[in-house]
Amino acid sequence: RVVAVVAQGAAWQFKGWKMGGRRGGDGGNPVDVFTNSFGYYISFEGAPVPRELQGWNVRKGYLSKDKRGLDSVVFASFWNGLDEWMGVHKRGYLPG
């Protein structure tokens, strides 16, 4: 039961995955993976976002190199986004 995936921004990271496969394919298609799971990408502010990531359904969180006390805001964004996504797409996995 995979509900969330943290992406690095490279398609090779999904090679051989069972989920995200199209019929007749070997799996691991990032577009399909992020259609069926909550995707999140974390990077430092100002760092270039990988081109491959542009077509994927992922939320982006940016960490500040200078204001590390704000990391919790990015982490809260991940958890709140996951809660929201699960409420829409995987309601049966939520308690009560």
Protein backbone atom coordinates (compact mmCIF):
# COMPACT_ATOMS: atom_id res chain seq x y z
CA ARG A 1 0.00 0.00 0.00
CA VAL A 2 2.06 2.86 -1.28
CA VAL A 3 0.34 6.20 -0.81
CA ALA A 4 3.25 8.67 -1.07
CA VAL A 5 6.50 8.88 -2.99
CA VAL A 6 9.29 11.40 -2.46
CA ALA A 7 10.92 12.06 -5.81
CA GLN A 8 14.51 12.97 -6.58
CA GLY A 9 13.55 14.16 -10.02
CA ALA A 10 15.04 11.36 -12.09
CA ALA A 11 12.97 8.76 -13.94
CA TRP A 12 15.59 6.04 -13.34
CA GLN A 13 14.65 6.03 -9.65
CA PHE A 14 11.44 4.20 -10.63
CA LYS A 15 13.02 1.52 -12.82
CA GLY A 16 11.64 -1.89 -11.95
CA TRP A 17 8.79 -0.60 -9.80
CA LYS A 18 5.72 -2.82 -9.81
CA MET A 19 3.39 0.17 -9.67
CA GLY A 20 3.23 2.68 -12.46
CA GLY A 21 3.42 0.15 -15.27
CA ARG A 22 1.38 0.44 -18.39
CA ARG A 23 0.07 -2.66 -20.08
CA GLY A 24 2.93 -4.52 -21.64
CA GLY A 25 5.52 -2.29 -19.97
CA ASP A 26 8.01 -3.08 -17.26
CA GLY A 27 6.54 -0.64 -14.73
CA GLY A 28 8.13 2.37 -13.22
CA ASN A 29 6.58 5.09 -15.37
CA PRO A 30 6.75 8.21 -13.12
CA VAL A 31 3.64 9.78 -14.67
CA ASP A 32 1.66 6.66 -13.72
CA VAL A 33 3.30 6.41 -10.29
CA PHE A 34 2.21 9.96 -9.45
CA THR A 35 -1.27 9.41 -10.82
CA ASN A 36 -1.76 6.69 -8.19
CA SER A 37 0.19 8.15 -5.27
CA PHE A 38 0.93 11.48 -3.61
CA GLY A 39 4.16 12.83 -5.01
CA TYR A 40 6.48 15.26 -3.27
CA TYR A 41 9.78 16.83 -4.27
CA ILE A 42 12.03 18.58 -1.74
CA SER A 43 14.82 20.93 -2.78
CA PHE A 44 16.69 23.96 -1.55
CA GLU A 45 15.39 27.37 -2.59
CA GLY A 46 17.09 28.55 -5.75
CA ALA A 47 18.22 25.08 -6.85
CA PRO A 48 17.16 24.15 -10.38
CA VAL A 49 14.18 21.78 -10.60
CA PRO A 50 14.98 18.75 -12.80
CA ARG A 51 13.32 18.95 -16.21
CA GLU A 52 11.92 15.43 -15.94
CA LEU A 53 9.99 16.47 -12.85
CA GLN A 54 8.04 19.14 -14.73
CA GLY A 55 5.57 16.64 -16.21
CA TRP A 56 4.96 14.73 -12.98
CA ASN A 57 2.08 15.33 -10.59
CA VAL A 58 4.19 16.26 -7.55
CA ARG A 59 4.03 19.01 -4.99
CA LYS A 60 7.22 20.88 -4.36
CA GLY A 61 8.70 21.94 -1.05
CA TYR A 62 11.66 24.29 -0.82
CA LEU A 63 14.02 24.42 2.14
CA SER A 64 15.97 27.56 2.98
CA LYS A 65 19.71 27.17 3.43
CA ASP A 66 19.76 30.16 5.78
CA LYS A 67 16.51 29.72 7.74
CA ARG A 68 16.59 26.06 8.73
CA GLY A 69 14.07 26.76 11.48
CA LEU A 70 11.47 26.94 8.72
CA ASP A 71 12.02 23.30 7.70
CA SER A 72 8.98 22.39 9.79
CA VAL A 73 6.80 24.45 7.42
CA VAL A 74 7.92 22.28 4.50
CA PHE A 75 7.41 19.09 6.51
CA ALA A 76 3.90 20.26 7.52
CA SER A 77 3.18 20.97 3.85
CA PHE A 78 4.07 17.35 3.04
CA TRP A 79 1.88 15.85 5.78
CA ASN A 80 -1.05 18.20 5.14
CA GLY A 81 -0.84 17.51 1.41
CA LEU A 82 -0.77 13.77 2.03
CA ASP A 83 -3.80 14.00 4.34
CA GLU A 84 -5.69 15.99 1.72
CA TRP A 85 -4.72 13.60 -1.09
CA MET A 86 -5.71 10.53 0.92
CA GLY A 87 -9.06 12.09 1.81
CA VAL A 88 -9.82 12.27 -1.91
CA HIS A 89 -8.03 9.22 -3.38
CA LYS A 90 -7.52 6.63 -0.61
CA ARG A 91 -10.31 7.31 1.86
CA GLY A 92 -10.48 3.64 2.87
CA TYR A 93 -6.96 3.77 4.32
CA LEU A 94 -7.85 6.52 6.80
CA PRO A 95 -8.96 5.67 10.33
CA GLY A 96 -12.58 6.03 11.43
